[in-house]
Every structure is written in C-alpha cells, then in structure tokens.
Amino acid sequence: MNKKLVFIARCNFGLAALLLSGCVIASGGMRIDNIPMYGQPEIERPEELKRADEDFVKQASEGLGGREKASIAWWLQGDKFMSEGNLDYAMRRYNQSWLLNPNSFRAYWGFGRVLLERGQLDESLNHLEKACQLVDDEYQKVALLADTATAYSVKAYRTGSDNINERSKYFSLANQRYEESAKLDPAYPNSWRGWARSLYFEGRYADAWEKVRKARSLGAMAFPPQFIRALEEKLPEPR
C-alpha cells in the first residue's frame, strides 16, 4: 500500500476518539462532518472540536510533509470515496482536506461534487464557483470547469420550461464553462462528452451531435445507448 495511505489509515484510527466527538447532529438531522466546512460559520464549532481539529492538522501535517501535501492526500481519499459512491465518507475527507488548507480549490471542488450528487444544486454551484476562483493548477482546472458546467446544465434542466429566462441563463453559463474547459485542453474528452449531453437537454441537437463526434474522436467513454437513441429521435446523426 502507498506509504501516504498507510499513514492516513493510521492517523484516522489514532484520531478516532477525537473525531468521533465531531459527530454532532445539525438542525437538519445530518452529521456536521457530512456538511461542507462542518456547517461553519452558521454552526459554531465547539471548543473541544476546535482542539481536535488542531491535533488532526498537527499530526497529518507532520506525517505527510506539510499542510499542503496532507490536504491533497485527504482530497484524493475523498475522490476515492466519490468514485465508490460513498458521499458521506467523501464529504468527511473533503472537510479534513479543507481543515488542512482552507484556501485550496480542491476541497471546495469536492464539496460541490458531493452536493451535486445530493441534488443541492445552488449550494453545489456556490462551492464550485469558489473553487474556480481559487484554482491555481491549469491541469486540474480543465476538469473543474467541466464539472461546474455540468452543475449549471443540471440546474438549467431542473428549472423547467415554464421559466424560460432562468433556464436559458443556466444553459448559457454551462456553455461558457464547457467552452473554457475545452479551450484550456481541447484533448480532454469529458468536456466534449458532458457538453454533448447538455446541448441535447438545451434542445440544440445538431450542436450536440458535433460534440458527440468530437468526444468519440478523443476516445471518450461510450455514450449510454439510450442517450444516443434519444438524440437520434430528435435529429438523425448528420452525415
């Protein structure tokens, strides 16, 4: 096992008694470690948890060569749990990453991804936009912009056709973020793949096909057959 992950496992076990005290229930019935930034500033952090936070930061930083490296290690653990569909554990790791570096774009990106999966779209977009403001890594920015675009697309789709102006606004923001992502790295297939689906829901079927072809040319993950069938029903693939 990777030495960093071994340390993380040991550190988590060693701090279990401290962090279990963080399992406070917020007013909505959710544990505060499953809420971005532990619900702060709206939920005041008790003194005993502040001390636990300080102990955690000290141990993690010493074990992984500084707060920045430790923050990235915990963020990667959060991404691992995200890939497994374990949103609560992902949020807990992103919170720990944030504790280690409150000014890192990575933790806010993680918050936004979890909240998007939970259907908390406005909160998700707030955190994703915060991440876009803080991002200082051009390589990671490509995927961050694509994820932010996806969140705007979902927001647009769920706004409903009865509110045309709001719907158009969010689709426009989605297109803007997808375009920024594609310009930064035209070879990143997920930007084109997500853009194609967004354009379909916007009703721009010819443009959606254009993005489908681009994504395929870059070796993107195959589109779901039901999506391609739905697009073909709206507009046969142009030749």
Protein backbone atom coordinates (compact mmCIF):
# COMPACT_ATOMS: atom_id res chain seq x y z
CA MET A 1 0.00 0.00 0.00
CA ASN A 2 1.12 3.58 -0.71
CA LYS A 3 3.01 4.95 2.30
CA LYS A 4 0.84 8.04 2.39
CA LEU A 5 -2.31 5.93 2.52
CA VAL A 6 -0.82 3.80 5.28
CA PHE A 7 -0.23 6.95 7.29
CA ILE A 8 -3.75 8.18 6.57
CA ALA A 9 -5.22 4.92 7.82
CA ARG A 10 -3.14 5.05 10.99
CA CYS A 11 -3.85 8.72 11.53
CA ASN A 12 -7.59 8.17 11.12
CA PHE A 13 -7.50 5.32 13.63
CA GLY A 14 -5.37 7.27 16.09
CA LEU A 15 -7.66 10.27 15.92
CA ALA A 16 -10.89 8.28 16.06
CA ALA A 17 -11.65 9.22 19.64
CA LEU A 18 -11.11 12.88 18.85
CA LEU A 19 -13.08 12.94 15.63
CA LEU A 20 -15.99 10.89 16.95
CA SER A 21 -16.75 13.85 19.11
CA GLY A 22 -17.41 15.67 15.84
CA CYS A 23 -20.45 13.55 15.08
CA VAL A 24 -22.78 16.33 16.18
CA ILE A 25 -26.17 16.45 14.52
CA ALA A 26 -27.08 19.68 12.73
CA SER A 27 -30.58 21.14 12.77
CA GLY A 28 -31.46 19.32 9.57
CA GLY A 29 -30.65 15.94 11.11
CA MET A 30 -27.33 15.47 9.29
CA ARG A 31 -23.98 14.93 10.97
CA ILE A 32 -21.92 18.09 10.75
CA ASP A 33 -18.97 16.20 9.28
CA ASN A 34 -21.24 15.42 6.32
CA ILE A 35 -21.78 19.17 5.73
CA PRO A 36 -19.20 21.38 3.96
CA MET A 37 -16.84 23.09 6.42
CA TYR A 38 -18.71 21.34 9.25
CA GLY A 39 -21.54 23.81 8.76
CA GLN A 40 -19.37 26.81 9.59
CA PRO A 41 -19.87 29.70 10.03
CA GLU A 42 -23.60 29.10 10.56
CA ILE A 43 -22.88 26.27 13.04
CA GLU A 44 -20.43 27.41 15.68
CA ARG A 45 -17.57 24.97 16.24
CA PRO A 46 -17.40 23.84 19.91
CA GLU A 47 -14.09 24.38 21.69
CA GLU A 48 -13.42 20.65 22.11
CA LEU A 49 -13.80 20.14 18.37
CA LYS A 50 -11.53 23.09 17.63
CA ARG A 51 -8.88 21.40 19.77
CA ALA A 52 -9.48 18.11 17.93
CA ASP A 53 -9.09 19.96 14.63
CA GLU A 54 -5.77 21.40 15.77
CA ASP A 55 -4.50 17.97 16.82
CA PHE A 56 -5.57 16.49 13.49
CA VAL A 57 -3.86 19.23 11.48
CA LYS A 58 -0.66 18.84 13.50
CA GLN A 59 -0.48 15.05 13.14
CA ALA A 60 -1.44 14.99 9.47
CA SER A 61 0.99 17.77 8.56
CA GLU A 62 3.88 16.11 10.36
CA GLY A 63 3.12 12.74 8.82
CA LEU A 64 2.81 13.93 5.24
CA GLY A 65 5.37 16.70 4.97
CA GLY A 66 3.28 19.80 5.47
CA ARG A 67 -0.30 21.03 5.38
CA GLU A 68 -0.49 21.35 1.58
CA LYS A 69 0.65 17.80 0.91
CA ALA A 70 -1.62 16.47 3.63
CA SER A 71 -4.56 18.42 2.24
CA ILE A 72 -4.04 16.89 -1.20
CA ALA A 73 -3.72 13.39 0.29
CA TRP A 74 -7.06 13.72 2.09
CA TRP A 75 -8.67 15.20 -1.02
CA LEU A 76 -7.53 12.17 -3.01
CA GLN A 77 -9.13 9.95 -0.38
CA GLY A 78 -12.32 11.93 -0.83
CA ASP A 79 -12.17 11.37 -4.58
CA LYS A 80 -11.74 7.64 -3.95
CA PHE A 81 -14.91 7.54 -1.88
CA MET A 82 -16.70 9.63 -4.53
CA SER A 83 -15.79 7.07 -7.19
CA GLU A 84 -17.29 4.38 -4.95
CA GLY A 85 -20.50 6.34 -4.46
CA ASN A 86 -19.88 6.87 -0.74
CA LEU A 87 -20.90 10.51 -0.47
CA ASP A 88 -20.76 10.78 3.32
CA TYR A 89 -17.22 9.45 3.58
CA ALA A 90 -16.18 11.61 0.64
CA MET A 91 -17.54 14.72 2.35
CA ARG A 92 -15.71 13.84 5.58
CA ARG A 93 -12.40 13.59 3.73
CA TYR A 94 -13.03 16.82 1.84
CA ASN A 95 -13.74 18.50 5.17
CA GLN A 96 -10.42 17.25 6.51
CA SER A 97 -8.70 18.48 3.36
CA TRP A 98 -10.31 21.88 3.95
CA LEU A 99 -9.13 21.93 7.57
CA LEU A 100 -5.60 21.39 6.35
CA ASN A 101 -5.81 24.10 3.68
CA PRO A 102 -8.92 26.33 3.77
CA ASN A 103 -7.69 28.22 0.69
CA SER A 104 -7.30 25.20 -1.56
CA PHE A 105 -9.65 24.90 -4.53
CA ARG A 106 -9.67 21.12 -4.14
CA ALA A 107 -11.83 20.96 -1.02
CA TYR A 108 -14.44 23.31 -2.50
CA TRP A 109 -14.45 21.26 -5.68
CA GLY A 110 -15.12 18.18 -3.58
CA PHE A 111 -17.91 19.91 -1.67
CA GLY A 112 -19.53 20.91 -4.96
CA ARG A 113 -19.36 17.41 -6.40
CA VAL A 114 -20.94 15.81 -3.34
CA LEU A 115 -23.70 18.42 -3.16
CA LEU A 116 -24.42 17.98 -6.87
CA GLU A 117 -24.94 14.26 -6.32
CA ARG A 118 -27.23 15.06 -3.40
CA GLY A 119 -29.29 17.36 -5.60
CA GLN A 120 -28.38 20.51 -3.66
CA LEU A 121 -27.73 22.48 -6.82
CA ASP A 122 -27.45 26.04 -5.57
CA GLU A 123 -25.07 25.03 -2.78
CA SER A 124 -23.09 22.91 -5.23
CA LEU A 125 -22.66 25.81 -7.64
CA ASN A 126 -21.56 28.15 -4.85
CA HIS A 127 -18.73 25.81 -3.90
CA LEU A 128 -17.76 25.02 -7.49
CA GLU A 129 -17.54 28.70 -8.35
CA LYS A 130 -15.45 29.25 -5.23
CA ALA A 131 -13.13 26.51 -6.46
CA CYS A 132 -12.94 28.20 -9.88
CA GLN A 133 -11.88 31.44 -8.17
CA LEU A 134 -9.16 29.70 -6.16
CA VAL A 135 -7.82 27.19 -8.68
CA ASP A 136 -4.10 27.56 -9.30
CA ASP A 137 -3.48 24.38 -11.26
CA GLU A 138 -4.17 24.63 -15.00
CA TYR A 139 -4.22 20.85 -15.37
CA GLN A 140 -6.92 20.40 -12.72
CA LYS A 141 -8.80 23.48 -13.89
CA VAL A 142 -9.89 21.72 -17.08
CA ALA A 143 -11.88 19.08 -15.18
CA LEU A 144 -13.10 21.57 -12.57
CA LEU A 145 -14.60 23.78 -15.28
CA ALA A 146 -16.28 20.78 -16.88
CA ASP A 147 -17.79 19.74 -13.54
CA THR A 148 -19.01 23.30 -12.95
CA ALA A 149 -20.57 23.33 -16.41
CA THR A 150 -22.35 20.06 -15.66
CA ALA A 151 -23.80 21.53 -12.47
CA TYR A 152 -25.14 24.53 -14.42
CA SER A 153 -26.62 22.19 -17.02
CA VAL A 154 -28.42 20.15 -14.35
CA LYS A 155 -29.67 23.37 -12.77
CA ALA A 156 -31.00 24.51 -16.16
CA TYR A 157 -32.70 21.19 -16.84
CA ARG A 158 -34.39 21.15 -13.43
CA THR A 159 -35.51 24.76 -13.72
CA GLY A 160 -38.25 23.64 -16.09
CA SER A 161 -39.60 25.01 -19.35
CA ASP A 162 -42.08 27.29 -17.56
CA ASN A 163 -39.22 29.62 -16.60
CA ILE A 164 -37.55 30.19 -19.95
CA ASN A 165 -35.30 33.08 -18.91
CA GLU A 166 -33.81 31.27 -15.92
CA ARG A 167 -33.40 28.09 -17.92
CA SER A 168 -31.62 29.94 -20.73
CA LYS A 169 -29.36 31.72 -18.23
CA TYR A 170 -28.12 28.48 -16.69
CA PHE A 171 -27.61 26.78 -20.06
CA SER A 172 -25.62 29.82 -21.16
CA LEU A 173 -23.41 29.53 -18.07
CA ALA A 174 -22.97 25.82 -18.74
CA ASN A 175 -21.89 26.51 -22.33
CA GLN A 176 -19.48 29.19 -21.13
CA ARG A 177 -17.77 26.85 -18.67
CA TYR A 178 -17.62 23.96 -21.17
CA GLU A 179 -16.06 26.29 -23.72
CA GLU A 180 -13.46 27.48 -21.20
CA SER A 181 -12.59 23.89 -20.34
CA ALA A 182 -12.32 22.85 -23.99
CA LYS A 183 -10.09 25.83 -24.81
CA LEU A 184 -7.72 25.03 -21.96
CA ASP A 185 -7.34 21.44 -23.15
CA PRO A 186 -9.09 20.53 -26.43
CA ALA A 187 -7.99 16.91 -25.95
CA TYR A 188 -9.86 16.40 -22.67
CA PRO A 189 -12.73 14.12 -23.75
CA ASN A 190 -15.02 14.62 -20.74
CA SER A 191 -15.58 18.28 -21.60
CA TRP A 192 -16.97 17.35 -25.01
CA ARG A 193 -18.90 14.39 -23.62
CA GLY A 194 -20.63 16.47 -20.96
CA TRP A 195 -21.21 19.31 -23.41
CA ALA A 196 -22.98 16.99 -25.85
CA ARG A 197 -25.45 15.87 -23.18
CA SER A 198 -26.03 19.44 -22.03
CA LEU A 199 -26.75 20.64 -25.56
CA TYR A 200 -29.24 17.81 -26.03
CA PHE A 201 -31.19 18.93 -22.97
CA GLU A 202 -30.99 22.51 -24.24
CA GLY A 203 -32.60 21.36 -27.48
CA ARG A 204 -29.60 22.11 -29.70
CA TYR A 205 -29.44 18.72 -31.37
CA ALA A 206 -27.10 19.50 -34.29
CA ASP A 207 -24.59 21.02 -31.86
CA ALA A 208 -24.98 18.01 -29.59
CA TRP A 209 -24.05 15.69 -32.47
CA GLU A 210 -20.99 17.81 -33.19
CA LYS A 211 -19.80 17.36 -29.59
CA VAL A 212 -20.61 13.64 -29.68
CA ARG A 213 -18.33 13.21 -32.69
CA LYS A 214 -15.58 15.25 -31.03
CA ALA A 215 -15.81 13.19 -27.82
CA ARG A 216 -15.68 9.94 -29.78
CA SER A 217 -12.65 11.11 -31.76
CA LEU A 218 -10.84 11.65 -28.45
CA GLY A 219 -11.68 8.20 -27.13
CA ALA A 220 -14.23 9.34 -24.56
CA MET A 221 -16.20 6.81 -22.56
CA ALA A 222 -19.03 5.48 -24.70
CA PHE A 223 -22.28 7.42 -24.51
CA PRO A 224 -25.19 5.49 -22.97
CA PRO A 225 -27.18 3.84 -25.79
CA GLN A 226 -30.39 5.42 -24.53
CA PHE A 227 -28.87 8.87 -24.90
CA ILE A 228 -27.83 8.22 -28.50
CA ARG A 229 -31.28 6.79 -29.31
CA ALA A 230 -32.97 9.83 -27.78
CA LEU A 231 -30.73 12.17 -29.78
CA GLU A 232 -31.40 10.22 -32.99
CA GLU A 233 -35.14 10.53 -32.40
CA LYS A 234 -34.77 14.30 -32.25
CA LEU A 235 -32.32 14.53 -35.14
CA PRO A 236 -30.73 11.70 -37.13
CA GLU A 237 -26.95 11.85 -36.97
CA PRO A 238 -25.75 14.27 -39.68
CA ARG A 239 -23.55 12.73 -42.36
